[in-house]
Amino acid sequence: MTVTAVATPKLPGSPFPSHEMLRKTYTRIAKAAMQAGTAKQLKKAPVAHPEKYPSYVMDPKKLGSSQKVYVIKGDLYLASTPVTLHPKTTWFKVGPAPLF
């Protein structure tokens, strides 16, 4: 029996996912968790300063609310803020962030 190695073509550029690839992946995971009802609503933000962590806008064209997916300490969180005079952000824990 002969084993032959198959050469895989080297992809140009960085081996790491782009910002757009991460945004699409994380927002799809968050949307699926919200639709399935597996995202757990939190009483407050998971950390004191979530703005210090990477975030990805879910749907920039959506009117009426702003939704961002945050990657905080290896987990995905969804922050949903209505567009009102006195907005209150609602936080959801989506689950673990995928490893690339």
PDB file of N, CA and C in Angstrom:
ATOM      1  N   MET A   1       0.845  -1.174   0.000  1.00  0.00           N
ATOM      2  CA  MET A   1       0.000   0.000   0.000  1.00  0.00           C
ATOM      3  C   MET A   1       0.890   1.236   0.000  1.00  0.00           C
ATOM      4  N   THR A   2       0.636   2.157  -0.893  1.00  0.00           N
ATOM      5  CA  THR A   2       1.427   3.365  -1.017  1.00  0.00           C
ATOM      6  C   THR A   2       0.592   4.553  -0.561  1.00  0.00           C
ATOM      7  N   VAL A   3       1.184   5.381   0.280  1.00  0.00           N
ATOM      8  CA  VAL A   3       0.510   6.588   0.761  1.00  0.00           C
ATOM      9  C   VAL A   3       1.139   7.774   0.054  1.00  0.00           C
ATOM     10  N   THR A   4       0.324   8.589  -0.557  1.00  0.00           N
ATOM     11  CA  THR A   4       0.818   9.750  -1.288  1.00  0.00           C
ATOM     12  C   THR A   4       0.335  11.007  -0.598  1.00  0.00           C
ATOM     13  N   ALA A   5       1.252  11.915  -0.333  1.00  0.00           N
ATOM     14  CA  ALA A   5       0.892  13.193   0.279  1.00  0.00           C
ATOM     15  C   ALA A   5       0.289  14.099  -0.782  1.00  0.00           C
ATOM     16  N   VAL A   6      -0.780  14.751  -0.438  1.00  0.00           N
ATOM     17  CA  VAL A   6      -1.435  15.668  -1.351  1.00  0.00           C
ATOM     18  C   VAL A   6      -1.025  17.079  -0.968  1.00  0.00           C
ATOM     19  N   ALA A   7      -0.496  17.814  -1.916  1.00  0.00           N
ATOM     20  CA  ALA A   7      -0.084  19.193  -1.647  1.00  0.00           C
ATOM     21  C   ALA A   7      -1.309  20.083  -1.583  1.00  0.00           C
ATOM     22  N   THR A   8      -1.389  20.870  -0.535  1.00  0.00           N
ATOM     23  CA  THR A   8      -2.493  21.820  -0.421  1.00  0.00           C
ATOM     24  C   THR A   8      -1.978  23.187  -0.830  1.00  0.00           C
ATOM     25  N   PRO A   9      -2.721  23.900  -1.628  1.00  0.00           N
ATOM     26  CA  PRO A   9      -2.242  25.205  -2.077  1.00  0.00           C
ATOM     27  C   PRO A   9      -2.187  26.194  -0.918  1.00  0.00           C
ATOM     28  N   LYS A  10      -1.168  27.015  -0.922  1.00  0.00           N
ATOM     29  CA  LYS A  10      -1.037  28.039   0.118  1.00  0.00           C
ATOM     30  C   LYS A  10      -1.930  29.209  -0.246  1.00  0.00           C
ATOM     31  N   LEU A  11      -2.736  29.622   0.689  1.00  0.00           N
ATOM     32  CA  LEU A  11      -3.632  30.745   0.451  1.00  0.00           C
ATOM     33  C   LEU A  11      -2.858  32.050   0.608  1.00  0.00           C
ATOM     34  N   PRO A  12      -3.134  33.021  -0.234  1.00  0.00           N
ATOM     35  CA  PRO A  12      -2.430  34.293  -0.112  1.00  0.00           C
ATOM     36  C   PRO A  12      -2.906  35.062   1.116  1.00  0.00           C
ATOM     37  N   GLY A  13      -2.012  35.839   1.680  1.00  0.00           N
ATOM     38  CA  GLY A  13      -2.383  36.689   2.798  1.00  0.00           C
ATOM     39  C   GLY A  13      -2.229  36.005   4.134  1.00  0.00           C
ATOM     40  N   SER A  14      -2.884  36.561   5.105  1.00  0.00           N
ATOM     41  CA  SER A  14      -2.785  36.100   6.484  1.00  0.00           C
ATOM     42  C   SER A  14      -3.557  34.801   6.702  1.00  0.00           C
ATOM     43  N   PRO A  15      -3.040  33.911   7.565  1.00  0.00           N
ATOM     44  CA  PRO A  15      -3.776  32.687   7.870  1.00  0.00           C
ATOM     45  C   PRO A  15      -4.905  32.917   8.879  1.00  0.00           C
ATOM     46  N   PHE A  16      -5.000  34.125   9.404  1.00  0.00           N
ATOM     47  CA  PHE A  16      -6.016  34.434  10.407  1.00  0.00           C
ATOM     48  C   PHE A  16      -7.279  34.958   9.745  1.00  0.00           C
ATOM     49  N   PRO A  17      -8.447  34.740  10.365  1.00  0.00           N
ATOM     50  CA  PRO A  17      -9.693  35.244   9.780  1.00  0.00           C
ATOM     51  C   PRO A  17      -9.722  36.775   9.784  1.00  0.00           C
ATOM     52  N   SER A  18     -10.337  37.337   8.765  1.00  0.00           N
ATOM     53  CA  SER A  18     -10.456  38.792   8.669  1.00  0.00           C
ATOM     54  C   SER A  18     -11.545  39.293   9.628  1.00  0.00           C
ATOM     55  N   HIS A  19     -11.581  40.598   9.802  1.00  0.00           N
ATOM     56  CA  HIS A  19     -12.609  41.205  10.659  1.00  0.00           C
ATOM     57  C   HIS A  19     -14.004  40.861  10.141  1.00  0.00           C
ATOM     58  N   GLU A  20     -14.170  40.901   8.822  1.00  0.00           N
ATOM     59  CA  GLU A  20     -15.476  40.599   8.232  1.00  0.00           C
ATOM     60  C   GLU A  20     -15.865  39.142   8.444  1.00  0.00           C
ATOM     61  N   MET A  21     -14.912  38.232   8.341  1.00  0.00           N
ATOM     62  CA  MET A  21     -15.190  36.811   8.582  1.00  0.00           C
ATOM     63  C   MET A  21     -15.603  36.587  10.034  1.00  0.00           C
ATOM     64  N   LEU A  22     -14.913  37.251  10.957  1.00  0.00           N
ATOM     65  CA  LEU A  22     -15.269  37.131  12.375  1.00  0.00           C
ATOM     66  C   LEU A  22     -16.654  37.696  12.623  1.00  0.00           C
ATOM     67  N   ARG A  23     -16.953  38.859  12.032  1.00  0.00           N
ATOM     68  CA  ARG A  23     -18.264  39.490  12.229  1.00  0.00           C
ATOM     69  C   ARG A  23     -19.366  38.560  11.736  1.00  0.00           C
ATOM     70  N   LYS A  24     -19.200  37.990  10.556  1.00  0.00           N
ATOM     71  CA  LYS A  24     -20.228  37.102  10.013  1.00  0.00           C
ATOM     72  C   LYS A  24     -20.409  35.859  10.884  1.00  0.00           C
ATOM     73  N   THR A  25     -19.300  35.277  11.310  1.00  0.00           N
ATOM     74  CA  THR A  25     -19.367  34.059  12.126  1.00  0.00           C
ATOM     75  C   THR A  25     -20.042  34.342  13.460  1.00  0.00           C
ATOM     76  N   TYR A  26     -19.577  35.359  14.159  1.00  0.00           N
ATOM     77  CA  TYR A  26     -20.112  35.668  15.493  1.00  0.00           C
ATOM     78  C   TYR A  26     -21.569  36.108  15.438  1.00  0.00           C
ATOM     79  N   THR A  27     -21.942  36.897  14.423  1.00  0.00           N
ATOM     80  CA  THR A  27     -23.337  37.340  14.353  1.00  0.00           C
ATOM     81  C   THR A  27     -24.267  36.189  13.983  1.00  0.00           C
ATOM     82  N   ARG A  28     -23.804  35.267  13.148  1.00  0.00           N
ATOM     83  CA  ARG A  28     -24.634  34.088  12.830  1.00  0.00           C
ATOM     84  C   ARG A  28     -24.865  33.233  14.072  1.00  0.00           C
ATOM     85  N   ILE A  29     -23.829  33.059  14.862  1.00  0.00           N
ATOM     86  CA  ILE A  29     -23.959  32.277  16.103  1.00  0.00           C
ATOM     87  C   ILE A  29     -24.939  32.957  17.047  1.00  0.00           C
ATOM     88  N   ALA A  30     -24.818  34.278  17.190  1.00  0.00           N
ATOM     89  CA  ALA A  30     -25.703  35.027  18.097  1.00  0.00           C
ATOM     90  C   ALA A  30     -27.155  34.982  17.615  1.00  0.00           C
ATOM     91  N   LYS A  31     -27.365  35.175  16.313  1.00  0.00           N
ATOM     92  CA  LYS A  31     -28.736  35.117  15.771  1.00  0.00           C
ATOM     93  C   LYS A  31     -29.354  33.745  15.986  1.00  0.00           C
ATOM     94  N   ALA A  32     -28.569  32.697  15.736  1.00  0.00           N
ATOM     95  CA  ALA A  32     -29.084  31.335  15.915  1.00  0.00           C
ATOM     96  C   ALA A  32     -29.428  31.066  17.371  1.00  0.00           C
ATOM     97  N   ALA A  33     -28.601  31.550  18.300  1.00  0.00           N
ATOM     98  CA  ALA A  33     -28.874  31.345  19.725  1.00  0.00           C
ATOM     99  C   ALA A  33     -30.128  32.106  20.158  1.00  0.00           C
ATOM    100  N   MET A  34     -30.323  33.297  19.633  1.00  0.00           N
ATOM    101  CA  MET A  34     -31.522  34.064  19.986  1.00  0.00           C
ATOM    102  C   MET A  34     -32.779  33.389  19.418  1.00  0.00           C
ATOM    103  N   GLN A  35     -32.710  32.905  18.187  1.00  0.00           N
ATOM    104  CA  GLN A  35     -33.859  32.249  17.571  1.00  0.00           C
ATOM    105  C   GLN A  35     -34.190  30.926  18.258  1.00  0.00           C
ATOM    106  N   ALA A  36     -33.163  30.209  18.691  1.00  0.00           N
ATOM    107  CA  ALA A  36     -33.379  28.921  19.359  1.00  0.00           C
ATOM    108  C   ALA A  36     -33.742  29.083  20.835  1.00  0.00           C
ATOM    109  N   GLY A  37     -33.559  30.288  21.360  1.00  0.00           N
ATOM    110  CA  GLY A  37     -33.869  30.523  22.768  1.00  0.00           C
ATOM    111  C   GLY A  37     -32.798  30.013  23.717  1.00  0.00           C
ATOM    112  N   THR A  38     -31.593  29.791  23.221  1.00  0.00           N
ATOM    113  CA  THR A  38     -30.515  29.280  24.078  1.00  0.00           C
ATOM    114  C   THR A  38     -29.645  30.379  24.675  1.00  0.00           C
ATOM    115  N   ALA A  39     -29.808  31.621  24.196  1.00  0.00           N
ATOM    116  CA  ALA A  39     -29.058  32.742  24.775  1.00  0.00           C
ATOM    117  C   ALA A  39     -29.664  33.093  26.137  1.00  0.00           C
ATOM    118  N   LYS A  40     -28.816  33.239  27.146  1.00  0.00           N
ATOM    119  CA  LYS A  40     -29.287  33.498  28.501  1.00  0.00           C
ATOM    120  C   LYS A  40     -29.220  34.998  28.806  1.00  0.00           C
ATOM    121  N   GLN A  41     -30.377  35.583  29.170  1.00  0.00           N
ATOM    122  CA  GLN A  41     -30.400  37.004  29.497  1.00  0.00           C
ATOM    123  C   GLN A  41     -29.689  37.242  30.821  1.00  0.00           C
ATOM    124  N   LEU A  42     -28.880  38.294  30.862  1.00  0.00           N
ATOM    125  CA  LEU A  42     -28.127  38.649  32.058  1.00  0.00           C
ATOM    126  C   LEU A  42     -28.747  39.874  32.719  1.00  0.00           C
ATOM    127  N   LYS A  43     -28.505  40.033  34.010  1.00  0.00           N
ATOM    128  CA  LYS A  43     -29.029  41.193  34.735  1.00  0.00           C
ATOM    129  C   LYS A  43     -28.204  42.442  34.479  1.00  0.00           C
ATOM    130  N   LYS A  44     -26.927  42.250  34.113  1.00  0.00           N
ATOM    131  CA  LYS A  44     -26.051  43.401  33.857  1.00  0.00           C
ATOM    132  C   LYS A  44     -24.970  42.967  32.867  1.00  0.00           C
ATOM    133  N   ALA A  45     -24.139  43.906  32.500  1.00  0.00           N
ATOM    134  CA  ALA A  45     -23.034  43.614  31.576  1.00  0.00           C
ATOM    135  C   ALA A  45     -22.091  42.598  32.215  1.00  0.00           C
ATOM    136  N   PRO A  46     -21.476  41.729  31.417  1.00  0.00           N
ATOM    137  CA  PRO A  46     -20.611  40.691  31.978  1.00  0.00           C
ATOM    138  C   PRO A  46     -19.325  41.227  32.611  1.00  0.00           C
ATOM    139  N   VAL A  47     -18.902  42.414  32.193  1.00  0.00           N
ATOM    140  CA  VAL A  47     -17.710  43.057  32.764  1.00  0.00           C
ATOM    141  C   VAL A  47     -18.007  44.540  32.946  1.00  0.00           C
ATOM    142  N   ALA A  48     -17.164  45.216  33.733  1.00  0.00           N
ATOM    143  CA  ALA A  48     -17.391  46.630  34.014  1.00  0.00           C
ATOM    144  C   ALA A  48     -17.244  47.511  32.771  1.00  0.00           C
ATOM    145  N   HIS A  49     -16.309  47.204  31.893  1.00  0.00           N
ATOM    146  CA  HIS A  49     -16.057  48.024  30.710  1.00  0.00           C
ATOM    147  C   HIS A  49     -16.039  47.168  29.443  1.00  0.00           C
ATOM    148  N   PRO A  50     -17.205  46.791  28.947  1.00  0.00           N
ATOM    149  CA  PRO A  50     -17.240  45.921  27.765  1.00  0.00           C
ATOM    150  C   PRO A  50     -16.662  46.582  26.517  1.00  0.00           C
ATOM    151  N   GLU A  51     -16.632  47.910  26.487  1.00  0.00           N
ATOM    152  CA  GLU A  51     -16.105  48.603  25.309  1.00  0.00           C
ATOM    153  C   GLU A  51     -14.607  48.346  25.094  1.00  0.00           C
ATOM    154  N   LYS A  52     -13.941  47.772  26.064  1.00  0.00           N
ATOM    155  CA  LYS A  52     -12.517  47.448  25.941  1.00  0.00           C
ATOM    156  C   LYS A  52     -12.291  46.125  25.205  1.00  0.00           C
ATOM    157  N   TYR A  53     -13.358  45.399  24.901  1.00  0.00           N
ATOM    158  CA  TYR A  53     -13.269  44.093  24.251  1.00  0.00           C
ATOM    159  C   TYR A  53     -13.718  44.205  22.798  1.00  0.00           C
ATOM    160  N   PRO A  54     -13.299  43.268  21.949  1.00  0.00           N
ATOM    161  CA  PRO A  54     -13.720  43.319  20.546  1.00  0.00           C
ATOM    162  C   PRO A  54     -15.237  43.194  20.403  1.00  0.00           C
ATOM    163  N   SER A  55     -15.788  43.995  19.508  1.00  0.00           N
ATOM    164  CA  SER A  55     -17.234  43.933  19.274  1.00  0.00           C
ATOM    165  C   SER A  55     -17.506  43.999  17.776  1.00  0.00           C
ATOM    166  N   TYR A  56     -18.652  43.442  17.400  1.00  0.00           N
ATOM    167  CA  TYR A  56     -19.042  43.352  15.997  1.00  0.00           C
ATOM    168  C   TYR A  56     -20.515  43.724  15.887  1.00  0.00           C
ATOM    169  N   VAL A  57     -20.829  44.679  15.022  1.00  0.00           N
ATOM    170  CA  VAL A  57     -22.208  45.122  14.825  1.00  0.00           C
ATOM    171  C   VAL A  57     -22.962  44.025  14.087  1.00  0.00           C
ATOM    172  N   MET A  58     -24.132  43.647  14.631  1.00  0.00           N
ATOM    173  CA  MET A  58     -24.900  42.550  14.029  1.00  0.00           C
ATOM    174  C   MET A  58     -25.541  42.950  12.708  1.00  0.00           C
ATOM    175  N   ASP A  59     -26.329  43.987  12.711  1.00  0.00           N
ATOM    176  CA  ASP A  59     -27.029  44.405  11.494  1.00  0.00           C
ATOM    177  C   ASP A  59     -27.038  45.924  11.467  1.00  0.00           C
ATOM    178  N   PRO A  60     -26.065  46.531  10.777  1.00  0.00           N
ATOM    179  CA  PRO A  60     -25.969  47.995  10.813  1.00  0.00           C
ATOM    180  C   PRO A  60     -27.172  48.706  10.199  1.00  0.00           C
ATOM    181  N   LYS A  61     -27.968  48.025   9.392  1.00  0.00           N
ATOM    182  CA  LYS A  61     -29.116  48.661   8.728  1.00  0.00           C
ATOM    183  C   LYS A  61     -30.409  48.537   9.524  1.00  0.00           C
ATOM    184  N   LYS A  62     -30.373  47.796  10.628  1.00  0.00           N
ATOM    185  CA  LYS A  62     -31.590  47.571  11.404  1.00  0.00           C
ATOM    186  C   LYS A  62     -31.974  48.844  12.158  1.00  0.00           C
ATOM    187  N   LEU A  63     -33.194  49.264  11.988  1.00  0.00           N
ATOM    188  CA  LEU A  63     -33.685  50.457  12.670  1.00  0.00           C
ATOM    189  C   LEU A  63     -34.387  50.069  13.957  1.00  0.00           C
ATOM    190  N   GLY A  64     -34.323  50.935  14.948  1.00  0.00           N
ATOM    191  CA  GLY A  64     -35.033  50.704  16.197  1.00  0.00           C
ATOM    192  C   GLY A  64     -34.190  50.147  17.307  1.00  0.00           C
ATOM    193  N   SER A  65     -33.087  49.487  16.970  1.00  0.00           N
ATOM    194  CA  SER A  65     -32.204  48.972  18.012  1.00  0.00           C
ATOM    195  C   SER A  65     -30.799  48.789  17.458  1.00  0.00           C
ATOM    196  N   SER A  66     -29.859  48.792  18.377  1.00  0.00           N
ATOM    197  CA  SER A  66     -28.463  48.556  18.041  1.00  0.00           C
ATOM    198  C   SER A  66     -28.053  47.252  18.705  1.00  0.00           C
ATOM    199  N   GLN A  67     -27.489  46.340  17.940  1.00  0.00           N
ATOM    200  CA  GLN A  67     -27.065  45.057  18.497  1.00  0.00           C
ATOM    201  C   GLN A  67     -25.605  44.808  18.161  1.00  0.00           C
ATOM    202  N   LYS A  68     -24.836  44.483  19.188  1.00  0.00           N
ATOM    203  CA  LYS A  68     -23.419  44.180  19.015  1.00  0.00           C
ATOM    204  C   LYS A  68     -23.103  42.866  19.695  1.00  0.00           C
ATOM    205  N   VAL A  69     -22.225  42.102  19.061  1.00  0.00           N
ATOM    206  CA  VAL A  69     -21.721  40.872  19.650  1.00  0.00           C
ATOM    207  C   VAL A  69     -20.325  41.170  20.188  1.00  0.00           C
ATOM    208  N   TYR A  70     -20.116  40.867  21.462  1.00  0.00           N
ATOM    209  CA  TYR A  70     -18.820  41.079  22.109  1.00  0.00           C
ATOM    210  C   TYR A  70     -18.153  39.736  22.364  1.00  0.00           C
ATOM    211  N   VAL A  71     -16.831  39.727  22.235  1.00  0.00           N
ATOM    212  CA  VAL A  71     -16.043  38.555  22.601  1.00  0.00           C
ATOM    213  C   VAL A  71     -15.322  38.924  23.895  1.00  0.00           C
ATOM    214  N   ILE A  72     -15.789  38.348  25.003  1.00  0.00           N
ATOM    215  CA  ILE A  72     -15.260  38.680  26.323  1.00  0.00           C
ATOM    216  C   ILE A  72     -14.811  37.407  27.007  1.00  0.00           C
ATOM    217  N   LYS A  73     -13.515  37.328  27.245  1.00  0.00           N
ATOM    218  CA  LYS A  73     -12.909  36.195  27.954  1.00  0.00           C
ATOM    219  C   LYS A  73     -13.326  34.842  27.361  1.00  0.00           C
ATOM    220  N   GLY A  74     -13.321  34.759  26.030  1.00  0.00           N
ATOM    221  CA  GLY A  74     -13.599  33.491  25.356  1.00  0.00           C
ATOM    222  C   GLY A  74     -15.065  33.165  25.147  1.00  0.00           C
ATOM    223  N   ASP A  75     -15.956  34.052  25.554  1.00  0.00           N
ATOM    224  CA  ASP A  75     -17.396  33.829  25.366  1.00  0.00           C
ATOM    225  C   ASP A  75     -17.986  34.937  24.503  1.00  0.00           C
ATOM    226  N   LEU A  76     -19.095  34.622  23.840  1.00  0.00           N
ATOM    227  CA  LEU A  76     -19.823  35.602  23.041  1.00  0.00           C
ATOM    228  C   LEU A  76     -20.988  36.156  23.848  1.00  0.00           C
ATOM    229  N   TYR A  77     -21.136  37.471  23.812  1.00  0.00           N
ATOM    230  CA  TYR A  77     -22.242  38.156  24.479  1.00  0.00           C
ATOM    231  C   TYR A  77     -22.914  39.071  23.478  1.00  0.00           C
ATOM    232  N   LEU A  78     -24.231  39.190  23.580  1.00  0.00           N
ATOM    233  CA  LEU A  78     -24.994  40.076  22.718  1.00  0.00           C
ATOM    234  C   LEU A  78     -25.518  41.234  23.559  1.00  0.00           C
ATOM    235  N   ALA A  79     -25.245  42.446  23.088  1.00  0.00           N
ATOM    236  CA  ALA A  79     -25.775  43.648  23.735  1.00  0.00           C
ATOM    237  C   ALA A  79     -26.815  44.251  22.800  1.00  0.00           C
ATOM    238  N   SER A  80     -28.023  44.398  23.281  1.00  0.00           N
ATOM    239  CA  SER A  80     -29.110  44.951  22.479  1.00  0.00           C
ATOM    240  C   SER A  80     -29.582  46.241  23.139  1.00  0.00           C
ATOM    241  N   THR A  81     -29.492  47.346  22.397  1.00  0.00           N
ATOM    242  CA  THR A  81     -29.855  48.655  22.930  1.00  0.00           C
ATOM    243  C   THR A  81     -30.911  49.285  22.039  1.00  0.00           C
ATOM    244  N   PRO A  82     -32.093  49.600  22.592  1.00  0.00           N
ATOM    245  CA  PRO A  82     -33.115  50.263  21.775  1.00  0.00           C
ATOM    246  C   PRO A  82     -32.725  51.720  21.517  1.00  0.00           C
ATOM    247  N   VAL A  83     -33.166  52.241  20.398  1.00  0.00           N
ATOM    248  CA  VAL A  83     -32.905  53.638  20.072  1.00  0.00           C
ATOM    249  C   VAL A  83     -34.055  54.457  20.648  1.00  0.00           C
ATOM    250  N   THR A  84     -33.852  54.954  21.869  1.00  0.00           N
ATOM    251  CA  THR A  84     -34.851  55.764  22.572  1.00  0.00           C
ATOM    252  C   THR A  84     -34.136  56.889  23.301  1.00  0.00           C
ATOM    253  N   LEU A  85     -34.903  57.713  24.000  1.00  0.00           N
ATOM    254  CA  LEU A  85     -34.307  58.809  24.763  1.00  0.00           C
ATOM    255  C   LEU A  85     -33.437  58.307  25.911  1.00  0.00           C
ATOM    256  N   HIS A  86     -33.889  57.302  26.619  1.00  0.00           N
ATOM    257  CA  HIS A  86     -33.149  56.753  27.757  1.00  0.00           C
ATOM    258  C   HIS A  86     -32.955  55.244  27.548  1.00  0.00           C
ATOM    259  N   PRO A  87     -32.022  54.900  26.670  1.00  0.00           N
ATOM    260  CA  PRO A  87     -31.856  53.475  26.354  1.00  0.00           C
ATOM    261  C   PRO A  87     -31.243  52.679  27.496  1.00  0.00           C
ATOM    262  N   LYS A  88     -31.689  51.445  27.638  1.00  0.00           N
ATOM    263  CA  LYS A  88     -31.127  50.513  28.604  1.00  0.00           C
ATOM    264  C   LYS A  88     -30.710  49.276  27.827  1.00  0.00           C
ATOM    265  N   THR A  89     -29.432  48.974  27.895  1.00  0.00           N
ATOM    266  CA  THR A  89     -28.898  47.839  27.153  1.00  0.00           C
ATOM    267  C   THR A  89     -29.259  46.531  27.845  1.00  0.00           C
ATOM    268  N   THR A  90     -29.741  45.586  27.070  1.00  0.00           N
ATOM    269  CA  THR A  90     -30.030  44.245  27.564  1.00  0.00           C
ATOM    270  C   THR A  90     -28.911  43.329  27.086  1.00  0.00           C
ATOM    271  N   TRP A  91     -28.356  42.537  28.020  1.00  0.00           N
ATOM    272  CA  TRP A  91     -27.230  41.653  27.724  1.00  0.00           C
ATOM    273  C   TRP A  91     -27.669  40.194  27.717  1.00  0.00           C
ATOM    274  N   PHE A  92     -27.096  39.430  26.786  1.00  0.00           N
ATOM    275  CA  PHE A  92     -27.338  38.005  26.684  1.00  0.00           C
ATOM    276  C   PHE A  92     -26.005  37.280  26.575  1.00  0.00           C
ATOM    277  N   LYS A  93     -25.889  36.149  27.257  1.00  0.00           N
ATOM    278  CA  LYS A  93     -24.718  35.307  27.073  1.00  0.00           C
ATOM    279  C   LYS A  93     -25.080  34.294  25.997  1.00  0.00           C
ATOM    280  N   VAL A  94     -24.339  34.337  24.891  1.00  0.00           N
ATOM    281  CA  VAL A  94     -24.618  33.477  23.745  1.00  0.00           C
ATOM    282  C   VAL A  94     -23.964  32.113  23.916  1.00  0.00           C
ATOM    283  N   GLY A  95     -22.711  32.095  24.350  1.00  0.00           N
ATOM    284  CA  GLY A  95     -21.984  30.853  24.519  1.00  0.00           C
ATOM    285  C   GLY A  95     -20.510  31.042  24.199  1.00  0.00           C
ATOM    286  N   PRO A  96     -19.781  29.949  24.126  1.00  0.00           N
ATOM    287  CA  PRO A  96     -18.340  30.058  23.878  1.00  0.00           C
ATOM    288  C   PRO A  96     -18.039  30.538  22.449  1.00  0.00           C
ATOM    289  N   ALA A  97     -16.996  31.336  22.335  1.00  0.00           N
ATOM    290  CA  ALA A  97     -16.558  31.804  21.015  1.00  0.00           C
ATOM    291  C   ALA A  97     -15.797  30.673  20.335  1.00  0.00           C
ATOM    292  N   PRO A  98     -16.001  30.496  19.036  1.00  0.00           N
ATOM    293  CA  PRO A  98     -15.274  29.440  18.337  1.00  0.00           C
ATOM    294  C   PRO A  98     -13.777  29.766  18.272  1.00  0.00           C
ATOM    295  N   LEU A  99     -12.961  28.721  18.266  1.00  0.00           N
ATOM    296  CA  LEU A  99     -11.524  28.896  18.143  1.00  0.00           C
ATOM    297  C   LEU A  99     -11.131  28.703  16.690  1.00  0.00           C
ATOM    298  N   PHE A 100     -10.333  29.607  16.193  1.00  0.00           N
ATOM    299  CA  PHE A 100      -9.896  29.523  14.791  1.00  0.00           C
ATOM    300  C   PHE A 100      -8.472  29.036  14.735  1.00  0.00           C
TER     301      PHE A 100
END
